[in-house]
Amino acid sequence: VIEYSSDFRLYITTKLRNPHYLPELSTKVSLLNFMITPEGLQDQLLGIVVAKERPELEEERNALIVQSAANKKQLKEIEDKILETLSSSEGDILEDETAIQILDSSKALSNEIEKKQKIAEETEKKIEQSRAGYTPVAKHGSVLFFSITDLPNIDPMYQYSLTWFIN
């Protein structure tokens, strides 16, 4: 028996594009594939193209994402506040003035956030329609990158990175 630490980890990397391992080995290890997919690259290229061609559109899209996250956080806080009010209320909740005020203000705030979310969704649809015009560019860029990544099969001298391609 060989003693070893339970914190011991062994990492092995390979340059093989699609390595094949025996089933016995595959069941004992965790295989991670860091290769980019055509769809993932296409989305990434679409963001880059839109940011170059229409920076205001991409900025607006990013602002909407941040606003949407803030709205969801605010809704969660409202839910927590309502639950806290309901759990701490003693007796009949209809007679508790502070609970009624909290519920009324929560409802008003919730309605306001819901209106903001609807506006944000409509704006997001418009932005996606505008971005869709650049989809063919991103698709062709993705095809071109994956064609370039196959060049080392012809001659190992032709090796290009994703960073080189994007720049």
N, C-alpha and C. Protein backbone atom coordinates (compact mmCIF):
# COMPACT_ATOMS: atom_id res chain seq x y z
N VAL A 1 0.84 -1.17 0.00
CA VAL A 1 0.00 0.00 0.00
C VAL A 1 0.90 1.24 0.00
N ILE A 2 0.54 2.17 -0.86
CA ILE A 2 1.30 3.42 -0.96
C ILE A 2 0.47 4.52 -0.32
N GLU A 3 1.09 5.25 0.57
CA GLU A 3 0.40 6.36 1.22
C GLU A 3 0.41 7.59 0.30
N TYR A 4 -0.67 8.32 0.32
CA TYR A 4 -0.77 9.55 -0.46
C TYR A 4 -1.72 10.52 0.23
N SER A 5 -1.60 11.78 -0.13
CA SER A 5 -2.45 12.81 0.44
C SER A 5 -3.76 12.88 -0.35
N SER A 6 -4.84 13.09 0.35
CA SER A 6 -6.13 13.22 -0.34
C SER A 6 -6.21 14.54 -1.12
N ASP A 7 -5.31 15.47 -0.84
CA ASP A 7 -5.27 16.75 -1.56
C ASP A 7 -4.46 16.67 -2.85
N PHE A 8 -3.84 15.52 -3.11
CA PHE A 8 -3.01 15.37 -4.30
C PHE A 8 -3.87 15.41 -5.55
N ARG A 9 -3.43 16.19 -6.55
CA ARG A 9 -4.11 16.29 -7.84
C ARG A 9 -3.05 16.20 -8.93
N LEU A 10 -3.36 15.50 -10.00
CA LEU A 10 -2.45 15.38 -11.13
C LEU A 10 -3.18 15.90 -12.37
N TYR A 11 -2.59 16.86 -13.04
CA TYR A 11 -3.17 17.43 -14.24
C TYR A 11 -2.29 17.08 -15.42
N ILE A 12 -2.89 16.54 -16.47
CA ILE A 12 -2.16 16.18 -17.68
C ILE A 12 -2.85 16.88 -18.85
N THR A 13 -2.06 17.50 -19.70
CA THR A 13 -2.62 18.16 -20.88
C THR A 13 -2.09 17.48 -22.13
N THR A 14 -2.79 17.70 -23.23
CA THR A 14 -2.38 17.14 -24.50
C THR A 14 -2.65 18.13 -25.61
N LYS A 15 -1.87 18.04 -26.67
CA LYS A 15 -2.11 18.88 -27.84
C LYS A 15 -3.01 18.19 -28.86
N LEU A 16 -3.37 16.95 -28.58
CA LEU A 16 -4.26 16.22 -29.48
C LEU A 16 -5.63 16.91 -29.49
N ARG A 17 -6.18 17.03 -30.68
CA ARG A 17 -7.47 17.71 -30.79
C ARG A 17 -8.61 16.86 -30.23
N ASN A 18 -8.59 15.58 -30.47
CA ASN A 18 -9.66 14.71 -30.01
C ASN A 18 -9.04 13.42 -29.48
N PRO A 19 -8.49 13.46 -28.28
CA PRO A 19 -7.80 12.27 -27.77
C PRO A 19 -8.78 11.15 -27.42
N HIS A 20 -8.34 9.92 -27.62
CA HIS A 20 -9.14 8.74 -27.29
C HIS A 20 -8.45 7.99 -26.18
N TYR A 21 -9.19 7.69 -25.13
CA TYR A 21 -8.65 6.98 -23.99
C TYR A 21 -9.42 5.68 -23.80
N LEU A 22 -8.78 4.72 -23.18
CA LEU A 22 -9.44 3.46 -22.88
C LEU A 22 -10.59 3.70 -21.92
N PRO A 23 -11.65 2.91 -22.02
CA PRO A 23 -12.79 3.11 -21.12
C PRO A 23 -12.40 3.00 -19.64
N GLU A 24 -11.45 2.12 -19.32
CA GLU A 24 -11.03 1.98 -17.92
C GLU A 24 -10.43 3.29 -17.40
N LEU A 25 -9.68 3.97 -18.24
CA LEU A 25 -9.08 5.24 -17.84
C LEU A 25 -10.12 6.34 -17.77
N SER A 26 -11.02 6.36 -18.72
CA SER A 26 -12.04 7.41 -18.77
C SER A 26 -12.95 7.41 -17.56
N THR A 27 -13.17 6.23 -16.95
CA THR A 27 -14.04 6.18 -15.78
C THR A 27 -13.33 6.65 -14.51
N LYS A 28 -12.01 6.71 -14.53
CA LYS A 28 -11.25 7.07 -13.33
C LYS A 28 -10.77 8.51 -13.32
N VAL A 29 -10.92 9.23 -14.43
CA VAL A 29 -10.41 10.59 -14.51
C VAL A 29 -11.51 11.53 -14.98
N SER A 30 -11.28 12.81 -14.79
CA SER A 30 -12.19 13.83 -15.31
C SER A 30 -11.53 14.46 -16.53
N LEU A 31 -12.21 14.37 -17.65
CA LEU A 31 -11.68 14.95 -18.89
C LEU A 31 -12.34 16.31 -19.11
N LEU A 32 -11.53 17.32 -19.35
CA LEU A 32 -12.02 18.66 -19.63
C LEU A 32 -11.64 19.03 -21.05
N ASN A 33 -12.61 19.47 -21.83
CA ASN A 33 -12.35 19.87 -23.20
C ASN A 33 -12.52 21.39 -23.27
N PHE A 34 -11.40 22.10 -23.50
CA PHE A 34 -11.44 23.56 -23.55
C PHE A 34 -11.57 24.09 -24.98
N MET A 35 -11.85 23.24 -25.92
CA MET A 35 -11.97 23.67 -27.32
C MET A 35 -13.23 24.50 -27.49
N ILE A 36 -13.13 25.57 -28.20
CA ILE A 36 -14.27 26.44 -28.44
C ILE A 36 -15.18 25.79 -29.49
N THR A 37 -16.49 25.96 -29.32
CA THR A 37 -17.45 25.41 -30.27
C THR A 37 -17.75 26.44 -31.35
N PRO A 38 -18.19 25.99 -32.51
CA PRO A 38 -18.55 26.98 -33.57
C PRO A 38 -19.63 27.96 -33.12
N GLU A 39 -20.62 27.47 -32.38
CA GLU A 39 -21.70 28.36 -31.92
C GLU A 39 -21.18 29.38 -30.90
N GLY A 40 -20.31 28.91 -29.99
CA GLY A 40 -19.74 29.82 -29.00
C GLY A 40 -18.89 30.89 -29.65
N LEU A 41 -18.07 30.48 -30.63
CA LEU A 41 -17.24 31.45 -31.35
C LEU A 41 -18.11 32.41 -32.14
N GLN A 42 -19.18 31.91 -32.73
CA GLN A 42 -20.07 32.78 -33.50
C GLN A 42 -20.69 33.85 -32.60
N ASP A 43 -21.13 33.47 -31.40
CA ASP A 43 -21.68 34.46 -30.46
C ASP A 43 -20.63 35.48 -30.04
N GLN A 44 -19.42 34.99 -29.79
CA GLN A 44 -18.33 35.88 -29.39
C GLN A 44 -17.99 36.85 -30.53
N LEU A 45 -17.91 36.35 -31.74
CA LEU A 45 -17.61 37.21 -32.89
C LEU A 45 -18.73 38.20 -33.15
N LEU A 46 -19.97 37.77 -32.93
CA LEU A 46 -21.11 38.67 -33.13
C LEU A 46 -21.01 39.86 -32.17
N GLY A 47 -20.66 39.58 -30.90
CA GLY A 47 -20.48 40.66 -29.93
C GLY A 47 -19.37 41.61 -30.34
N ILE A 48 -18.27 41.06 -30.87
CA ILE A 48 -17.14 41.89 -31.29
C ILE A 48 -17.51 42.75 -32.49
N VAL A 49 -18.18 42.15 -33.47
CA VAL A 49 -18.56 42.88 -34.68
C VAL A 49 -19.53 44.01 -34.34
N VAL A 50 -20.53 43.70 -33.52
CA VAL A 50 -21.52 44.73 -33.16
C VAL A 50 -20.84 45.83 -32.35
N ALA A 51 -19.92 45.46 -31.46
CA ALA A 51 -19.22 46.47 -30.66
C ALA A 51 -18.38 47.39 -31.55
N LYS A 52 -17.83 46.87 -32.64
CA LYS A 52 -17.03 47.70 -33.55
C LYS A 52 -17.91 48.55 -34.46
N GLU A 53 -18.97 47.94 -34.99
CA GLU A 53 -19.82 48.63 -35.97
C GLU A 53 -20.84 49.56 -35.30
N ARG A 54 -21.45 49.08 -34.22
CA ARG A 54 -22.47 49.86 -33.52
C ARG A 54 -22.23 49.82 -32.02
N PRO A 55 -21.22 50.55 -31.55
CA PRO A 55 -20.87 50.47 -30.12
C PRO A 55 -22.01 50.89 -29.19
N GLU A 56 -22.84 51.83 -29.63
CA GLU A 56 -23.94 52.27 -28.77
C GLU A 56 -24.94 51.15 -28.54
N LEU A 57 -25.11 50.29 -29.56
CA LEU A 57 -26.04 49.16 -29.45
C LEU A 57 -25.54 48.14 -28.42
N GLU A 58 -24.26 47.84 -28.47
CA GLU A 58 -23.67 46.88 -27.54
C GLU A 58 -23.66 47.44 -26.12
N GLU A 59 -23.39 48.74 -25.99
CA GLU A 59 -23.42 49.37 -24.66
C GLU A 59 -24.82 49.33 -24.07
N GLU A 60 -25.81 49.61 -24.92
CA GLU A 60 -27.21 49.57 -24.47
C GLU A 60 -27.59 48.16 -24.04
N ARG A 61 -27.13 47.17 -24.79
CA ARG A 61 -27.42 45.77 -24.46
C ARG A 61 -26.78 45.40 -23.11
N ASN A 62 -25.54 45.80 -22.90
CA ASN A 62 -24.87 45.52 -21.64
C ASN A 62 -25.55 46.23 -20.47
N ALA A 63 -26.01 47.46 -20.71
CA ALA A 63 -26.72 48.21 -19.67
C ALA A 63 -28.04 47.53 -19.32
N LEU A 64 -28.72 46.98 -20.33
CA LEU A 64 -29.96 46.26 -20.08
C LEU A 64 -29.73 45.01 -19.24
N ILE A 65 -28.64 44.33 -19.50
CA ILE A 65 -28.31 43.13 -18.73
C ILE A 65 -28.09 43.50 -17.26
N VAL A 66 -27.35 44.58 -17.04
CA VAL A 66 -27.08 45.03 -15.67
C VAL A 66 -28.38 45.47 -14.99
N GLN A 67 -29.21 46.21 -15.72
CA GLN A 67 -30.48 46.68 -15.16
C GLN A 67 -31.39 45.51 -14.83
N SER A 68 -31.44 44.53 -15.69
CA SER A 68 -32.27 43.35 -15.46
C SER A 68 -31.83 42.61 -14.20
N ALA A 69 -30.53 42.48 -14.03
CA ALA A 69 -30.00 41.81 -12.83
C ALA A 69 -30.36 42.61 -11.57
N ALA A 70 -30.25 43.93 -11.65
CA ALA A 70 -30.60 44.78 -10.51
C ALA A 70 -32.09 44.66 -10.18
N ASN A 71 -32.93 44.63 -11.21
CA ASN A 71 -34.37 44.48 -10.99
C ASN A 71 -34.71 43.15 -10.33
N LYS A 72 -34.04 42.08 -10.77
CA LYS A 72 -34.30 40.76 -10.18
C LYS A 72 -33.85 40.74 -8.72
N LYS A 73 -32.74 41.40 -8.43
CA LYS A 73 -32.25 41.47 -7.06
C LYS A 73 -33.25 42.23 -6.19
N GLN A 74 -33.77 43.32 -6.73
CA GLN A 74 -34.73 44.14 -5.99
C GLN A 74 -36.02 43.35 -5.73
N LEU A 75 -36.47 42.58 -6.73
CA LEU A 75 -37.66 41.75 -6.53
C LEU A 75 -37.43 40.71 -5.45
N LYS A 76 -36.25 40.12 -5.43
CA LYS A 76 -35.91 39.13 -4.41
C LYS A 76 -35.94 39.77 -3.03
N GLU A 77 -35.41 40.98 -2.92
CA GLU A 77 -35.43 41.69 -1.64
C GLU A 77 -36.85 41.99 -1.20
N ILE A 78 -37.72 42.34 -2.15
CA ILE A 78 -39.13 42.61 -1.84
C ILE A 78 -39.80 41.34 -1.33
N GLU A 79 -39.54 40.22 -2.00
CA GLU A 79 -40.12 38.94 -1.56
C GLU A 79 -39.67 38.60 -0.15
N ASP A 80 -38.38 38.78 0.12
CA ASP A 80 -37.86 38.49 1.46
C ASP A 80 -38.51 39.39 2.51
N LYS A 81 -38.70 40.66 2.15
CA LYS A 81 -39.32 41.62 3.08
C LYS A 81 -40.76 41.22 3.38
N ILE A 82 -41.49 40.79 2.34
CA ILE A 82 -42.88 40.36 2.53
C ILE A 82 -42.94 39.12 3.40
N LEU A 83 -42.07 38.16 3.12
CA LEU A 83 -42.05 36.93 3.92
C LEU A 83 -41.70 37.22 5.38
N GLU A 84 -40.75 38.12 5.58
CA GLU A 84 -40.37 38.49 6.95
C GLU A 84 -41.55 39.16 7.67
N THR A 85 -42.25 40.04 6.94
CA THR A 85 -43.40 40.73 7.53
C THR A 85 -44.49 39.74 7.89
N LEU A 86 -44.75 38.79 7.01
CA LEU A 86 -45.80 37.81 7.27
C LEU A 86 -45.44 36.88 8.42
N SER A 87 -44.16 36.50 8.50
CA SER A 87 -43.77 35.58 9.57
C SER A 87 -43.69 36.27 10.93
N SER A 88 -43.37 37.56 10.94
CA SER A 88 -43.24 38.27 12.22
C SER A 88 -44.56 38.87 12.69
N SER A 89 -45.56 38.83 11.85
CA SER A 89 -46.85 39.42 12.20
C SER A 89 -47.55 38.53 13.23
N GLU A 90 -48.06 39.15 14.26
CA GLU A 90 -48.78 38.43 15.29
C GLU A 90 -50.25 38.79 15.21
N GLY A 91 -51.07 37.80 15.31
CA GLY A 91 -52.51 38.05 15.26
C GLY A 91 -52.98 38.23 13.83
N ASP A 92 -54.03 39.02 13.67
CA ASP A 92 -54.63 39.25 12.36
C ASP A 92 -53.76 40.24 11.57
N ILE A 93 -53.34 39.82 10.39
CA ILE A 93 -52.44 40.66 9.58
C ILE A 93 -53.16 41.89 9.05
N LEU A 94 -54.47 41.81 8.90
CA LEU A 94 -55.23 42.95 8.39
C LEU A 94 -55.29 44.09 9.40
N GLU A 95 -55.02 43.81 10.66
CA GLU A 95 -55.04 44.85 11.68
C GLU A 95 -53.66 45.46 11.92
N ASP A 96 -52.63 44.88 11.33
CA ASP A 96 -51.25 45.36 11.50
C ASP A 96 -50.97 46.43 10.44
N GLU A 97 -50.96 47.70 10.89
CA GLU A 97 -50.78 48.83 9.96
C GLU A 97 -49.43 48.81 9.25
N THR A 98 -48.36 48.51 9.99
CA THR A 98 -47.03 48.51 9.36
C THR A 98 -46.93 47.41 8.30
N ALA A 99 -47.55 46.26 8.58
CA ALA A 99 -47.53 45.17 7.60
C ALA A 99 -48.28 45.58 6.34
N ILE A 100 -49.40 46.23 6.51
CA ILE A 100 -50.19 46.68 5.35
C ILE A 100 -49.42 47.72 4.55
N GLN A 101 -48.74 48.66 5.22
CA GLN A 101 -47.94 49.66 4.53
C GLN A 101 -46.79 49.02 3.76
N ILE A 102 -46.13 48.05 4.40
CA ILE A 102 -45.03 47.36 3.74
C ILE A 102 -45.54 46.60 2.51
N LEU A 103 -46.67 45.93 2.64
CA LEU A 103 -47.24 45.19 1.51
C LEU A 103 -47.65 46.13 0.38
N ASP A 104 -48.24 47.29 0.72
CA ASP A 104 -48.64 48.26 -0.31
C ASP A 104 -47.42 48.82 -1.03
N SER A 105 -46.40 49.20 -0.27
CA SER A 105 -45.21 49.76 -0.92
C SER A 105 -44.50 48.69 -1.75
N SER A 106 -44.52 47.46 -1.28
CA SER A 106 -43.91 46.36 -2.03
C SER A 106 -44.64 46.12 -3.33
N LYS A 107 -45.97 46.21 -3.28
CA LYS A 107 -46.77 46.01 -4.49
C LYS A 107 -46.49 47.11 -5.50
N ALA A 108 -46.42 48.35 -5.05
CA ALA A 108 -46.15 49.47 -5.95
C ALA A 108 -44.76 49.33 -6.58
N LEU A 109 -43.78 48.98 -5.75
CA LEU A 109 -42.42 48.80 -6.24
C LEU A 109 -42.34 47.63 -7.22
N SER A 110 -43.06 46.57 -6.91
CA SER A 110 -43.08 45.40 -7.78
C SER A 110 -43.70 45.74 -9.14
N ASN A 111 -44.79 46.51 -9.14
CA ASN A 111 -45.42 46.92 -10.40
C ASN A 111 -44.48 47.80 -11.22
N GLU A 112 -43.76 48.69 -10.53
CA GLU A 112 -42.81 49.58 -11.21
C GLU A 112 -41.68 48.76 -11.87
N ILE A 113 -41.17 47.78 -11.13
CA ILE A 113 -40.11 46.92 -11.67
C ILE A 113 -40.64 46.10 -12.85
N GLU A 114 -41.86 45.64 -12.74
CA GLU A 114 -42.46 44.85 -13.83
C GLU A 114 -42.57 45.70 -15.10
N LYS A 115 -42.95 46.96 -14.96
CA LYS A 115 -43.02 47.86 -16.13
C LYS A 115 -41.63 48.05 -16.74
N LYS A 116 -40.62 48.25 -15.87
CA LYS A 116 -39.25 48.40 -16.37
C LYS A 116 -38.79 47.15 -17.12
N GLN A 117 -39.15 45.99 -16.59
CA GLN A 117 -38.76 44.73 -17.24
C GLN A 117 -39.42 44.58 -18.61
N LYS A 118 -40.68 44.99 -18.73
CA LYS A 118 -41.37 44.92 -20.03
C LYS A 118 -40.69 45.83 -21.05
N ILE A 119 -40.35 47.04 -20.61
CA ILE A 119 -39.65 47.98 -21.50
C ILE A 119 -38.29 47.41 -21.89
N ALA A 120 -37.61 46.83 -20.92
CA ALA A 120 -36.29 46.24 -21.19
C ALA A 120 -36.40 45.08 -22.17
N GLU A 121 -37.44 44.26 -22.04
CA GLU A 121 -37.63 43.13 -22.96
C GLU A 121 -37.90 43.61 -24.38
N GLU A 122 -38.71 44.68 -24.52
CA GLU A 122 -38.98 45.24 -25.85
C GLU A 122 -37.70 45.80 -26.46
N THR A 123 -36.93 46.50 -25.65
CA THR A 123 -35.66 47.06 -26.13
C THR A 123 -34.70 45.94 -26.51
N GLU A 124 -34.67 44.89 -25.73
CA GLU A 124 -33.80 43.74 -26.02
C GLU A 124 -34.18 43.10 -27.36
N LYS A 125 -35.47 43.02 -27.64
CA LYS A 125 -35.92 42.45 -28.93
C LYS A 125 -35.44 43.32 -30.09
N LYS A 126 -35.52 44.65 -29.93
CA LYS A 126 -35.05 45.55 -30.98
C LYS A 126 -33.55 45.41 -31.19
N ILE A 127 -32.82 45.30 -30.09
CA ILE A 127 -31.37 45.15 -30.18
C ILE A 127 -31.02 43.83 -30.86
N GLU A 128 -31.72 42.76 -30.50
CA GLU A 128 -31.46 41.45 -31.12
C GLU A 128 -31.77 41.47 -32.62
N GLN A 129 -32.80 42.21 -33.01
CA GLN A 129 -33.10 42.34 -34.44
C GLN A 129 -31.97 43.06 -35.17
N SER A 130 -31.44 44.09 -34.54
CA SER A 130 -30.32 44.83 -35.15
C SER A 130 -29.07 43.95 -35.20
N ARG A 131 -28.83 43.19 -34.13
CA ARG A 131 -27.67 42.29 -34.08
C ARG A 131 -27.80 41.18 -35.12
N ALA A 132 -29.02 40.77 -35.41
CA ALA A 132 -29.23 39.68 -36.36
C ALA A 132 -28.69 40.03 -37.75
N GLY A 133 -28.64 41.32 -38.06
CA GLY A 133 -28.08 41.74 -39.34
C GLY A 133 -26.60 41.42 -39.47
N TYR A 134 -25.91 41.27 -38.34
CA TYR A 134 -24.48 40.97 -38.34
C TYR A 134 -24.19 39.48 -38.17
N THR A 135 -25.22 38.67 -38.02
CA THR A 135 -25.04 37.24 -37.83
C THR A 135 -24.28 36.58 -38.97
N PRO A 136 -24.57 36.90 -40.24
CA PRO A 136 -23.79 36.26 -41.32
C PRO A 136 -22.29 36.53 -41.22
N VAL A 137 -21.91 37.73 -40.79
CA VAL A 137 -20.49 38.05 -40.63
C VAL A 137 -19.87 37.15 -39.56
N ALA A 138 -20.58 37.01 -38.44
CA ALA A 138 -20.08 36.17 -37.35
C ALA A 138 -20.01 34.71 -37.78
N LYS A 139 -21.00 34.27 -38.54
CA LYS A 139 -21.02 32.87 -39.00
C LYS A 139 -19.85 32.60 -39.94
N HIS A 140 -19.62 33.50 -40.88
CA HIS A 140 -18.49 33.33 -41.81
C HIS A 140 -17.16 33.40 -41.07
N GLY A 141 -17.08 34.28 -40.07
CA GLY A 141 -15.87 34.38 -39.27
C GLY A 141 -15.59 33.08 -38.52
N SER A 142 -16.63 32.47 -37.99
CA SER A 142 -16.49 31.20 -37.28
C SER A 142 -16.02 30.10 -38.22
N VAL A 143 -16.61 30.04 -39.41
CA VAL A 143 -16.20 29.04 -40.41
C VAL A 143 -14.74 29.26 -40.81
N LEU A 144 -14.37 30.52 -40.99
CA LEU A 144 -13.00 30.85 -41.37
C LEU A 144 -12.01 30.43 -40.28
N PHE A 145 -12.35 30.70 -39.01
CA PHE A 145 -11.44 30.32 -37.92
C PHE A 145 -11.25 28.81 -37.88
N PHE A 146 -12.33 28.05 -38.00
CA PHE A 146 -12.19 26.60 -37.93
C PHE A 146 -11.49 26.04 -39.16
N SER A 147 -11.57 26.74 -40.27
CA SER A 147 -10.78 26.33 -41.45
C SER A 147 -9.29 26.56 -41.17
N ILE A 148 -8.98 27.69 -40.55
CA ILE A 148 -7.59 28.02 -40.24
C ILE A 148 -7.02 27.04 -39.21
N THR A 149 -7.86 26.61 -38.26
CA THR A 149 -7.35 25.68 -37.23
C THR A 149 -7.07 24.30 -37.80
N ASP A 150 -7.59 23.99 -38.98
CA ASP A 150 -7.28 22.71 -39.62
C ASP A 150 -6.02 22.78 -40.47
N LEU A 151 -5.46 23.96 -40.68
CA LEU A 151 -4.24 24.09 -41.49
C LEU A 151 -3.04 23.31 -40.95
N PRO A 152 -2.88 23.14 -39.63
CA PRO A 152 -1.74 22.33 -39.15
C PRO A 152 -1.77 20.88 -39.64
N ASN A 153 -2.92 20.42 -40.09
CA ASN A 153 -2.99 19.07 -40.67
C ASN A 153 -2.23 19.01 -42.00
N ILE A 154 -2.14 20.16 -42.67
CA ILE A 154 -1.40 20.23 -43.93
C ILE A 154 0.08 20.40 -43.64
N ASP A 155 0.40 21.36 -42.78
CA ASP A 155 1.79 21.61 -42.40
C ASP A 155 1.79 22.19 -40.99
N PRO A 156 2.56 21.62 -40.07
CA PRO A 156 2.57 22.09 -38.68
C PRO A 156 2.96 23.56 -38.51
N MET A 157 3.55 24.15 -39.53
CA MET A 157 3.95 25.55 -39.45
C MET A 157 2.73 26.47 -39.31
N TYR A 158 1.59 26.05 -39.84
CA TYR A 158 0.38 26.90 -39.84
C TYR A 158 -0.40 26.67 -38.55
N GLN A 159 -0.02 27.37 -37.49
CA GLN A 159 -0.76 27.27 -36.23
C GLN A 159 -1.10 28.68 -35.76
N TYR A 160 -2.37 28.92 -35.61
CA TYR A 160 -2.84 30.25 -35.23
C TYR A 160 -3.74 30.14 -34.00
N SER A 161 -3.69 31.13 -33.14
CA SER A 161 -4.50 31.14 -31.94
C SER A 161 -5.79 31.94 -32.18
N LEU A 162 -6.72 31.77 -31.26
CA LEU A 162 -7.96 32.52 -31.32
C LEU A 162 -7.70 34.02 -31.13
N THR A 163 -6.76 34.35 -30.25
CA THR A 163 -6.39 35.76 -30.02
C THR A 163 -5.87 36.40 -31.31
N TRP A 164 -5.01 35.67 -32.02
CA TRP A 164 -4.49 36.18 -33.29
C TRP A 164 -5.64 36.40 -34.26
N PHE A 165 -6.56 35.46 -34.34
CA PHE A 165 -7.67 35.55 -35.28
C PHE A 165 -8.56 36.74 -34.98
N ILE A 166 -8.87 36.93 -33.71
CA ILE A 166 -9.78 38.03 -33.33
C ILE A 166 -9.14 39.39 -33.59
N ASN A 167 -7.84 39.49 -33.34
CA ASN A 167 -7.17 40.78 -33.57
C ASN A 167 -6.90 41.01 -35.04
